[in-house]
């Protein structure tokens, strides 16, 4: 990995993280009860921040300071939001080297859920996920709207499955041109061994999208995410997410000198405070 971002922007990183941490610490917490961050269907509100590293197939890379947040609305709804600011290193592709990275908003609505069930179908939810292109090169490709449903299952032995079934539609970053629509899925296999450390979780998350119509017809892409996390305090969590991206045949993306900025892999360290 490269540490140019740290060297040149360490003061910016320190101030940004400090401000977010101060805001988070000033918010009310959920008494002394530990949050269950292992379950993505639990309704919580939180604010967080972290550092993300992106490696592209042409050898260029990007450091990003990223903020995350979630707002719980009643007993059945929540809205997730993410955004960041990054610094790109490399000159094979044209574009600015600093700027806003991809922004995301997701609304999740839950129907009746059985959180006590040890094995079997627990319930389901629906979601609308909007991802907007950023201004930084490598992050300025397309705007995507993903609509889907998520049946959930208790697999037993501290394992659960959250199966997101989606239909995605994509436009260019100005919404002037529609590029395609197609089905996809994201399967979250979550293992939560409480005896490892407080709030321990391991997530294995494969996903795939196939573009069935439009200019991208016949194309597709897959990814594999591995996430490890836990609780620092009852209402403060940490997690590290590593993601590897694949082509439509689920093969590793080609690495070669190129002006294309395909995201080969990335890793993200995030801290969050729940309230």
C-alpha atoms as a PDB file:
ATOM      1  CA  UNK A   1       0.000   0.000   0.000  1.00  0.00           C
ATOM      2  CA  UNK A   2       0.956   3.618  -0.460  1.00  0.00           C
ATOM      3  CA  UNK A   3       0.902   6.240   2.293  1.00  0.00           C
ATOM      4  CA  UNK A   4       1.114   9.493   0.321  1.00  0.00           C
ATOM      5  CA  UNK A   5      -2.415  10.421   1.407  1.00  0.00           C
ATOM      6  CA  UNK A   6      -1.474  10.129   5.088  1.00  0.00           C
ATOM      7  CA  UNK A   7       1.692  12.183   4.609  1.00  0.00           C
ATOM      8  CA  UNK A   8       0.099  15.105   2.805  1.00  0.00           C
ATOM      9  CA  UNK A   9      -3.391  15.094   4.324  1.00  0.00           C
ATOM     10  CA  UNK A  10      -2.787  13.819   7.864  1.00  0.00           C
ATOM     11  CA  UNK A  11      -3.994  17.136   9.396  1.00  0.00           C
ATOM     12  CA  UNK A  12      -7.172  17.059   7.290  1.00  0.00           C
ATOM     13  CA  UNK A  13      -7.799  13.412   8.271  1.00  0.00           C
ATOM     14  CA  UNK A  14      -7.190  14.139  11.946  1.00  0.00           C
ATOM     15  CA  UNK A  15      -9.528  17.139  12.009  1.00  0.00           C
ATOM     16  CA  UNK A  16     -12.288  15.389  10.056  1.00  0.00           C
ATOM     17  CA  UNK A  17     -12.236  12.275  12.225  1.00  0.00           C
ATOM     18  CA  UNK A  18     -12.032  14.379  15.395  1.00  0.00           C
ATOM     19  CA  UNK A  19     -15.071  16.457  14.396  1.00  0.00           C
ATOM     20  CA  UNK A  20     -17.115  13.363  13.542  1.00  0.00           C
ATOM     21  CA  UNK A  21     -16.058  11.667  16.768  1.00  0.00           C
ATOM     22  CA  UNK A  22     -17.046  14.749  18.787  1.00  0.00           C
ATOM     23  CA  UNK A  23     -20.468  14.842  17.118  1.00  0.00           C
ATOM     24  CA  UNK A  24     -20.945  11.131  17.722  1.00  0.00           C
ATOM     25  CA  UNK A  25     -19.941  11.336  21.388  1.00  0.00           C
ATOM     26  CA  UNK A  26     -22.374  14.201  21.981  1.00  0.00           C
ATOM     27  CA  UNK A  27     -25.345  12.186  20.759  1.00  0.00           C
ATOM     28  CA  UNK A  28     -27.449  10.235  23.283  1.00  0.00           C
ATOM     29  CA  UNK A  29     -26.666   6.510  23.570  1.00  0.00           C
ATOM     30  CA  UNK A  30     -28.930   3.490  24.068  1.00  0.00           C
ATOM     31  CA  UNK A  31     -28.445   3.349  27.864  1.00  0.00           C
ATOM     32  CA  UNK A  32     -25.826   0.673  28.610  1.00  0.00           C
ATOM     33  CA  UNK A  33     -27.312  -2.022  26.371  1.00  0.00           C
ATOM     34  CA  UNK A  34     -24.929  -3.302  23.708  1.00  0.00           C
ATOM     35  CA  UNK A  35     -26.167  -2.845  20.153  1.00  0.00           C
ATOM     36  CA  UNK A  36     -26.473  -5.890  17.912  1.00  0.00           C
ATOM     37  CA  UNK A  37     -24.579  -4.734  14.835  1.00  0.00           C
ATOM     38  CA  UNK A  38     -24.434  -8.337  13.566  1.00  0.00           C
ATOM     39  CA  UNK A  39     -28.039  -8.051  12.328  1.00  0.00           C
ATOM     40  CA  UNK A  40     -28.599  -5.615   9.416  1.00  0.00           C
ATOM     41  CA  UNK A  41     -32.366  -5.712  10.005  1.00  0.00           C
ATOM     42  CA  UNK A  42     -32.225  -4.269  13.540  1.00  0.00           C
ATOM     43  CA  UNK A  43     -33.514  -0.687  13.582  1.00  0.00           C
ATOM     44  CA  UNK A  44     -30.772   1.609  14.918  1.00  0.00           C
ATOM     45  CA  UNK A  45     -29.397   5.074  14.335  1.00  0.00           C
ATOM     46  CA  UNK A  46     -25.655   5.661  14.139  1.00  0.00           C
ATOM     47  CA  UNK A  47     -22.946   7.914  12.779  1.00  0.00           C
ATOM     48  CA  UNK A  48     -19.487   6.765  11.777  1.00  0.00           C
ATOM     49  CA  UNK A  49     -16.320   7.542   9.871  1.00  0.00           C
ATOM     50  CA  UNK A  50     -13.437   5.589   8.436  1.00  0.00           C
ATOM     51  CA  UNK A  51     -10.588   5.321   5.980  1.00  0.00           C
ATOM     52  CA  UNK A  52     -10.820   3.400   2.703  1.00  0.00           C
ATOM     53  CA  UNK A  53      -8.115   2.306   0.254  1.00  0.00           C
ATOM     54  CA  UNK A  54      -8.967   1.487  -3.394  1.00  0.00           C
ATOM     55  CA  UNK A  55      -6.589  -0.298  -5.778  1.00  0.00           C
ATOM     56  CA  UNK A  56      -7.357  -0.086  -9.524  1.00  0.00           C
ATOM     57  CA  UNK A  57      -6.454  -2.629 -12.218  1.00  0.00           C
ATOM     58  CA  UNK A  58      -3.982  -0.241 -13.883  1.00  0.00           C
ATOM     59  CA  UNK A  59      -1.936   0.058 -10.687  1.00  0.00           C
ATOM     60  CA  UNK A  60      -3.302   3.448  -9.631  1.00  0.00           C
ATOM     61  CA  UNK A  61      -4.901   3.869  -6.210  1.00  0.00           C
ATOM     62  CA  UNK A  62      -7.064   6.151  -4.099  1.00  0.00           C
ATOM     63  CA  UNK A  63      -7.289   6.958  -0.384  1.00  0.00           C
ATOM     64  CA  UNK A  64     -10.708   8.036   0.846  1.00  0.00           C
ATOM     65  CA  UNK A  65     -12.043   9.498   4.087  1.00  0.00           C
ATOM     66  CA  UNK A  66     -15.608   8.188   4.268  1.00  0.00           C
ATOM     67  CA  UNK A  67     -18.552   9.053   6.529  1.00  0.00           C
ATOM     68  CA  UNK A  68     -21.446   6.689   7.226  1.00  0.00           C
ATOM     69  CA  UNK A  69     -24.742   7.118   9.003  1.00  0.00           C
ATOM     70  CA  UNK A  70     -28.118   5.537   9.598  1.00  0.00           C
ATOM     71  CA  UNK A  71     -31.422   6.981  10.816  1.00  0.00           C
ATOM     72  CA  UNK A  72     -33.986   4.661  12.405  1.00  0.00           C
ATOM     73  CA  UNK A  73     -37.571   5.698  11.636  1.00  0.00           C
ATOM     74  CA  UNK A  74     -40.068   4.014  13.935  1.00  0.00           C
ATOM     75  CA  UNK A  75     -40.029   0.230  14.309  1.00  0.00           C
ATOM     76  CA  UNK A  76     -39.852  -0.786  10.652  1.00  0.00           C
ATOM     77  CA  UNK A  77     -37.861   1.754   8.608  1.00  0.00           C
ATOM     78  CA  UNK A  78     -34.369   3.185   8.390  1.00  0.00           C
ATOM     79  CA  UNK A  79     -32.345   5.288   5.980  1.00  0.00           C
ATOM     80  CA  UNK A  80     -28.632   4.677   5.384  1.00  0.00           C
ATOM     81  CA  UNK A  81     -26.342   7.330   3.900  1.00  0.00           C
ATOM     82  CA  UNK A  82     -22.669   7.335   2.928  1.00  0.00           C
ATOM     83  CA  UNK A  83     -20.282   9.793   1.320  1.00  0.00           C
ATOM     84  CA  UNK A  84     -16.626  10.642   1.179  1.00  0.00           C
ATOM     85  CA  UNK A  85     -13.705  12.682  -0.067  1.00  0.00           C
ATOM     86  CA  UNK A  86     -10.726  11.094  -1.782  1.00  0.00           C
ATOM     87  CA  UNK A  87      -7.229  11.625  -3.149  1.00  0.00           C
ATOM     88  CA  UNK A  88      -6.239   9.742  -6.320  1.00  0.00           C
ATOM     89  CA  UNK A  89      -2.660   8.811  -7.210  1.00  0.00           C
ATOM     90  CA  UNK A  90      -1.717   8.127 -10.833  1.00  0.00           C
ATOM     91  CA  UNK A  91      -1.888   9.949 -14.163  1.00  0.00           C
ATOM     92  CA  UNK A  92      -2.841   7.267 -16.718  1.00  0.00           C
ATOM     93  CA  UNK A  93      -6.491   8.380 -16.586  1.00  0.00           C
ATOM     94  CA  UNK A  94      -7.720  11.935 -17.096  1.00  0.00           C
ATOM     95  CA  UNK A  95      -9.599  13.822 -14.392  1.00  0.00           C
ATOM     96  CA  UNK A  96      -9.180  15.555 -11.063  1.00  0.00           C
ATOM     97  CA  UNK A  97      -7.026  13.942  -8.376  1.00  0.00           C
ATOM     98  CA  UNK A  98      -9.148  15.122  -5.420  1.00  0.00           C
ATOM     99  CA  UNK A  99     -12.884  15.320  -4.985  1.00  0.00           C
ATOM    100  CA  UNK A 100     -16.134  13.872  -3.731  1.00  0.00           C
ATOM    101  CA  UNK A 101     -16.440  10.086  -3.983  1.00  0.00           C
ATOM    102  CA  UNK A 102     -19.597   8.042  -4.566  1.00  0.00           C
ATOM    103  CA  UNK A 103     -22.615   8.976  -2.438  1.00  0.00           C
ATOM    104  CA  UNK A 104     -25.202   6.438  -1.326  1.00  0.00           C
ATOM    105  CA  UNK A 105     -28.725   6.598   0.162  1.00  0.00           C
ATOM    106  CA  UNK A 106     -30.708   3.453   1.020  1.00  0.00           C
ATOM    107  CA  UNK A 107     -34.215   3.131   2.468  1.00  0.00           C
ATOM    108  CA  UNK A 108     -35.084  -0.200   4.137  1.00  0.00           C
ATOM    109  CA  UNK A 109     -38.587  -1.226   5.227  1.00  0.00           C
ATOM    110  CA  UNK A 110     -39.104  -4.345   7.327  1.00  0.00           C
ATOM    111  CA  UNK A 111     -42.187  -6.508   7.632  1.00  0.00           C
ATOM    112  CA  UNK A 112     -42.798  -8.874  10.567  1.00  0.00           C
ATOM    113  CA  UNK A 113     -39.468 -10.327  11.742  1.00  0.00           C
ATOM    114  CA  UNK A 114     -38.960 -13.225  14.173  1.00  0.00           C
ATOM    115  CA  UNK A 115     -35.699 -12.397  15.952  1.00  0.00           C
ATOM    116  CA  UNK A 116     -36.051 -15.301  18.400  1.00  0.00           C
ATOM    117  CA  UNK A 117     -36.163 -18.040  15.776  1.00  0.00           C
ATOM    118  CA  UNK A 118     -33.114 -20.328  15.980  1.00  0.00           C
ATOM    119  CA  UNK A 119     -33.534 -21.973  12.575  1.00  0.00           C
ATOM    120  CA  UNK A 120     -35.727 -21.236   9.555  1.00  0.00           C
ATOM    121  CA  UNK A 121     -37.341 -18.298   7.734  1.00  0.00           C
ATOM    122  CA  UNK A 122     -37.385 -15.156   9.908  1.00  0.00           C
ATOM    123  CA  UNK A 123     -39.110 -12.560   7.714  1.00  0.00           C
ATOM    124  CA  UNK A 124     -38.290 -10.104   4.974  1.00  0.00           C
ATOM    125  CA  UNK A 125     -37.845  -6.489   3.995  1.00  0.00           C
ATOM    126  CA  UNK A 126     -37.745  -4.244   0.932  1.00  0.00           C
ATOM    127  CA  UNK A 127     -35.258  -1.553  -0.031  1.00  0.00           C
ATOM    128  CA  UNK A 128     -34.502   1.229  -2.492  1.00  0.00           C
ATOM    129  CA  UNK A 129     -30.797   1.984  -2.915  1.00  0.00           C
ATOM    130  CA  UNK A 130     -29.567   5.118  -4.748  1.00  0.00           C
ATOM    131  CA  UNK A 131     -25.849   5.397  -5.574  1.00  0.00           C
ATOM    132  CA  UNK A 132     -24.634   8.648  -7.128  1.00  0.00           C
ATOM    133  CA  UNK A 133     -21.381   9.127  -9.036  1.00  0.00           C
ATOM    134  CA  UNK A 134     -18.730  11.319  -7.430  1.00  0.00           C
ATOM    135  CA  UNK A 135     -16.469  13.975  -8.938  1.00  0.00           C
ATOM    136  CA  UNK A 136     -13.155  12.184  -8.368  1.00  0.00           C
ATOM    137  CA  UNK A 137     -11.881  10.104 -11.307  1.00  0.00           C
ATOM    138  CA  UNK A 138     -12.523   6.418 -10.766  1.00  0.00           C
ATOM    139  CA  UNK A 139     -15.627   7.380  -8.797  1.00  0.00           C
ATOM    140  CA  UNK A 140     -17.433   9.387 -11.495  1.00  0.00           C
ATOM    141  CA  UNK A 141     -18.944   6.622 -13.639  1.00  0.00           C
ATOM    142  CA  UNK A 142     -22.683   6.062 -13.278  1.00  0.00           C
ATOM    143  CA  UNK A 143     -25.754   6.642 -11.129  1.00  0.00           C
ATOM    144  CA  UNK A 144     -27.505   3.441 -10.062  1.00  0.00           C
ATOM    145  CA  UNK A 145     -30.916   2.744  -8.516  1.00  0.00           C
ATOM    146  CA  UNK A 146     -31.400  -0.710  -6.992  1.00  0.00           C
ATOM    147  CA  UNK A 147     -34.837  -1.953  -5.878  1.00  0.00           C
ATOM    148  CA  UNK A 148     -35.216  -5.290  -4.126  1.00  0.00           C
ATOM    149  CA  UNK A 149     -36.496  -7.588  -1.425  1.00  0.00           C
ATOM    150  CA  UNK A 150     -34.560  -9.350   1.335  1.00  0.00           C
ATOM    151  CA  UNK A 151     -35.805 -12.646   2.825  1.00  0.00           C
ATOM    152  CA  UNK A 152     -33.823 -13.613   5.929  1.00  0.00           C
ATOM    153  CA  UNK A 153     -33.069 -17.013   7.419  1.00  0.00           C
ATOM    154  CA  UNK A 154     -31.633 -18.303  10.687  1.00  0.00           C
ATOM    155  CA  UNK A 155     -29.284 -21.127   9.680  1.00  0.00           C
ATOM    156  CA  UNK A 156     -28.454 -22.287  13.213  1.00  0.00           C
ATOM    157  CA  UNK A 157     -25.089 -22.429  14.933  1.00  0.00           C
ATOM    158  CA  UNK A 158     -24.740 -18.615  15.073  1.00  0.00           C
ATOM    159  CA  UNK A 159     -25.141 -18.381  11.267  1.00  0.00           C
ATOM    160  CA  UNK A 160     -27.744 -16.250   9.479  1.00  0.00           C
ATOM    161  CA  UNK A 161     -28.472 -15.499   5.811  1.00  0.00           C
ATOM    162  CA  UNK A 162     -29.766 -12.185   4.450  1.00  0.00           C
ATOM    163  CA  UNK A 163     -30.537 -12.722   0.754  1.00  0.00           C
ATOM    164  CA  UNK A 164     -31.021  -9.476  -1.157  1.00  0.00           C
ATOM    165  CA  UNK A 165     -32.716 -10.018  -4.564  1.00  0.00           C
ATOM    166  CA  UNK A 166     -32.517  -6.906  -6.742  1.00  0.00           C
ATOM    167  CA  UNK A 167     -33.322  -5.191  -9.995  1.00  0.00           C
ATOM    168  CA  UNK A 168     -30.769  -2.481 -10.861  1.00  0.00           C
ATOM    169  CA  UNK A 169     -31.080   0.367 -13.351  1.00  0.00           C
ATOM    170  CA  UNK A 170     -28.187   2.638 -14.339  1.00  0.00           C
ATOM    171  CA  UNK A 171     -27.693   6.053 -15.967  1.00  0.00           C
ATOM    172  CA  UNK A 172     -24.621   8.103 -16.764  1.00  0.00           C
ATOM    173  CA  UNK A 173     -23.561  10.519 -14.046  1.00  0.00           C
ATOM    174  CA  UNK A 174     -25.670  13.377 -15.408  1.00  0.00           C
ATOM    175  CA  UNK A 175     -28.789  11.183 -15.837  1.00  0.00           C
ATOM    176  CA  UNK A 176     -28.832  12.221 -19.515  1.00  0.00           C
ATOM    177  CA  UNK A 177     -28.472   8.671 -20.819  1.00  0.00           C
ATOM    178  CA  UNK A 178     -29.974   5.407 -19.566  1.00  0.00           C
ATOM    179  CA  UNK A 179     -27.460   2.561 -19.776  1.00  0.00           C
ATOM    180  CA  UNK A 180     -29.206  -0.614 -18.699  1.00  0.00           C
ATOM    181  CA  UNK A 181     -31.327  -2.701 -16.363  1.00  0.00           C
ATOM    182  CA  UNK A 182     -30.888  -6.161 -14.931  1.00  0.00           C
ATOM    183  CA  UNK A 183     -31.293  -8.574 -12.002  1.00  0.00           C
ATOM    184  CA  UNK A 184     -28.796  -9.178  -9.242  1.00  0.00           C
ATOM    185  CA  UNK A 185     -28.332 -10.588  -5.779  1.00  0.00           C
ATOM    186  CA  UNK A 186     -26.301 -10.033  -2.625  1.00  0.00           C
ATOM    187  CA  UNK A 187     -26.091 -12.876  -0.100  1.00  0.00           C
ATOM    188  CA  UNK A 188     -24.904 -11.941   3.405  1.00  0.00           C
ATOM    189  CA  UNK A 189     -23.768 -15.002   5.364  1.00  0.00           C
ATOM    190  CA  UNK A 190     -23.198 -13.704   8.900  1.00  0.00           C
ATOM    191  CA  UNK A 191     -21.485 -15.633  11.687  1.00  0.00           C
ATOM    192  CA  UNK A 192     -21.740 -14.114  15.167  1.00  0.00           C
ATOM    193  CA  UNK A 193     -19.575 -16.031  17.691  1.00  0.00           C
ATOM    194  CA  UNK A 194     -20.065 -14.013  20.890  1.00  0.00           C
ATOM    195  CA  UNK A 195     -17.315 -15.998  22.645  1.00  0.00           C
ATOM    196  CA  UNK A 196     -14.597 -14.622  20.322  1.00  0.00           C
ATOM    197  CA  UNK A 197     -14.794 -10.959  21.427  1.00  0.00           C
ATOM    198  CA  UNK A 198     -17.588  -8.481  22.306  1.00  0.00           C
ATOM    199  CA  UNK A 199     -20.049  -8.169  19.422  1.00  0.00           C
ATOM    200  CA  UNK A 200     -17.969 -10.485  17.205  1.00  0.00           C
ATOM    201  CA  UNK A 201     -19.159 -10.874  13.632  1.00  0.00           C
ATOM    202  CA  UNK A 202     -17.811 -12.286  10.376  1.00  0.00           C
ATOM    203  CA  UNK A 203     -19.651 -11.552   7.131  1.00  0.00           C
ATOM    204  CA  UNK A 204     -19.127 -13.368   3.846  1.00  0.00           C
ATOM    205  CA  UNK A 205     -20.959 -11.476   1.101  1.00  0.00           C
ATOM    206  CA  UNK A 206     -20.931 -12.614  -2.550  1.00  0.00           C
ATOM    207  CA  UNK A 207     -22.878 -10.563  -5.077  1.00  0.00           C
ATOM    208  CA  UNK A 208     -23.587 -10.428  -8.803  1.00  0.00           C
ATOM    209  CA  UNK A 209     -25.419  -8.154 -11.269  1.00  0.00           C
ATOM    210  CA  UNK A 210     -26.311  -9.033 -14.873  1.00  0.00           C
ATOM    211  CA  UNK A 211     -27.406  -6.325 -17.296  1.00  0.00           C
ATOM    212  CA  UNK A 212     -30.276  -7.824 -19.336  1.00  0.00           C
ATOM    213  CA  UNK A 213     -31.203  -4.780 -21.458  1.00  0.00           C
ATOM    214  CA  UNK A 214     -29.857  -1.402 -22.555  1.00  0.00           C
ATOM    215  CA  UNK A 215     -26.381  -0.397 -23.706  1.00  0.00           C
ATOM    216  CA  UNK A 216     -24.813  -2.751 -21.141  1.00  0.00           C
ATOM    217  CA  UNK A 217     -26.891  -5.750 -22.286  1.00  0.00           C
ATOM    218  CA  UNK A 218     -24.989  -9.019 -21.838  1.00  0.00           C
ATOM    219  CA  UNK A 219     -22.436  -7.539 -19.456  1.00  0.00           C
ATOM    220  CA  UNK A 220     -22.187  -8.198 -15.743  1.00  0.00           C
ATOM    221  CA  UNK A 221     -19.962  -8.083 -12.684  1.00  0.00           C
ATOM    222  CA  UNK A 222     -19.473  -9.835  -9.370  1.00  0.00           C
ATOM    223  CA  UNK A 223     -17.831  -9.091  -6.057  1.00  0.00           C
ATOM    224  CA  UNK A 224     -16.881 -10.819  -2.825  1.00  0.00           C
ATOM    225  CA  UNK A 225     -16.845  -9.009   0.507  1.00  0.00           C
ATOM    226  CA  UNK A 226     -15.324 -10.197   3.771  1.00  0.00           C
ATOM    227  CA  UNK A 227     -16.154  -8.194   6.887  1.00  0.00           C
ATOM    228  CA  UNK A 228     -14.937  -8.599  10.467  1.00  0.00           C
ATOM    229  CA  UNK A 229     -16.220  -6.446  13.326  1.00  0.00           C
ATOM    230  CA  UNK A 230     -17.125  -6.074  16.962  1.00  0.00           C
ATOM    231  CA  UNK A 231     -17.898  -3.699  19.821  1.00  0.00           C
ATOM    232  CA  UNK A 232     -15.372  -1.320  21.396  1.00  0.00           C
ATOM    233  CA  UNK A 233     -18.003  -0.213  23.923  1.00  0.00           C
ATOM    234  CA  UNK A 234     -21.698  -1.197  24.185  1.00  0.00           C
ATOM    235  CA  UNK A 235     -22.685   1.489  21.656  1.00  0.00           C
ATOM    236  CA  UNK A 236     -19.419   1.920  19.713  1.00  0.00           C
ATOM    237  CA  UNK A 237     -18.469  -0.564  16.995  1.00  0.00           C
ATOM    238  CA  UNK A 238     -15.547  -1.234  14.661  1.00  0.00           C
ATOM    239  CA  UNK A 239     -15.415  -3.185  11.431  1.00  0.00           C
ATOM    240  CA  UNK A 240     -13.007  -3.872   8.575  1.00  0.00           C
ATOM    241  CA  UNK A 241     -14.377  -4.683   5.111  1.00  0.00           C
ATOM    242  CA  UNK A 242     -12.269  -6.085   2.258  1.00  0.00           C
ATOM    243  CA  UNK A 243     -13.843  -6.337  -1.211  1.00  0.00           C
ATOM    244  CA  UNK A 244     -12.567  -8.045  -4.355  1.00  0.00           C
ATOM    245  CA  UNK A 245     -14.254  -7.349  -7.712  1.00  0.00           C
ATOM    246  CA  UNK A 246     -14.647  -9.744 -10.654  1.00  0.00           C
ATOM    247  CA  UNK A 247     -15.677  -9.585 -14.305  1.00  0.00           C
ATOM    248  CA  UNK A 248     -18.910 -11.016 -15.740  1.00  0.00           C
ATOM    249  CA  UNK A 249     -17.393 -14.514 -15.834  1.00  0.00           C
ATOM    250  CA  UNK A 250     -16.414 -14.211 -12.158  1.00  0.00           C
ATOM    251  CA  UNK A 251     -12.730 -14.064 -13.073  1.00  0.00           C
ATOM    252  CA  UNK A 252     -10.294 -11.578 -11.555  1.00  0.00           C
ATOM    253  CA  UNK A 253     -10.190  -8.286 -13.451  1.00  0.00           C
ATOM    254  CA  UNK A 254      -7.182  -7.963 -15.774  1.00  0.00           C
ATOM    255  CA  UNK A 255      -4.304  -5.930 -14.379  1.00  0.00           C
ATOM    256  CA  UNK A 256      -2.370  -4.014 -17.020  1.00  0.00           C
ATOM    257  CA  UNK A 257      -1.350  -0.457 -17.959  1.00  0.00           C
ATOM    258  CA  UNK A 258      -4.571   1.217 -19.025  1.00  0.00           C
ATOM    259  CA  UNK A 259      -6.530   4.448 -18.835  1.00  0.00           C
ATOM    260  CA  UNK A 260      -9.484   2.496 -17.396  1.00  0.00           C
ATOM    261  CA  UNK A 261     -10.010   2.800 -13.655  1.00  0.00           C
ATOM    262  CA  UNK A 262     -11.631  -0.506 -12.743  1.00  0.00           C
ATOM    263  CA  UNK A 263     -11.757  -1.076  -8.981  1.00  0.00           C
ATOM    264  CA  UNK A 264      -9.812  -4.301  -8.454  1.00  0.00           C
ATOM    265  CA  UNK A 265     -10.026  -4.415  -4.656  1.00  0.00           C
ATOM    266  CA  UNK A 266     -10.547  -2.144  -1.656  1.00  0.00           C
ATOM    267  CA  UNK A 267     -10.417  -2.224   2.135  1.00  0.00           C
ATOM    268  CA  UNK A 268     -12.355  -0.017   4.572  1.00  0.00           C
ATOM    269  CA  UNK A 269     -11.868   0.537   8.323  1.00  0.00           C
ATOM    270  CA  UNK A 270     -14.932   2.105   9.960  1.00  0.00           C
ATOM    271  CA  UNK A 271     -15.879   3.198  13.496  1.00  0.00           C
ATOM    272  CA  UNK A 272     -19.497   3.935  14.418  1.00  0.00           C
ATOM    273  CA  UNK A 273     -21.386   5.301  17.421  1.00  0.00           C
ATOM    274  CA  UNK A 274     -24.993   4.132  17.933  1.00  0.00           C
ATOM    275  CA  UNK A 275     -27.603   6.300  19.657  1.00  0.00           C
END
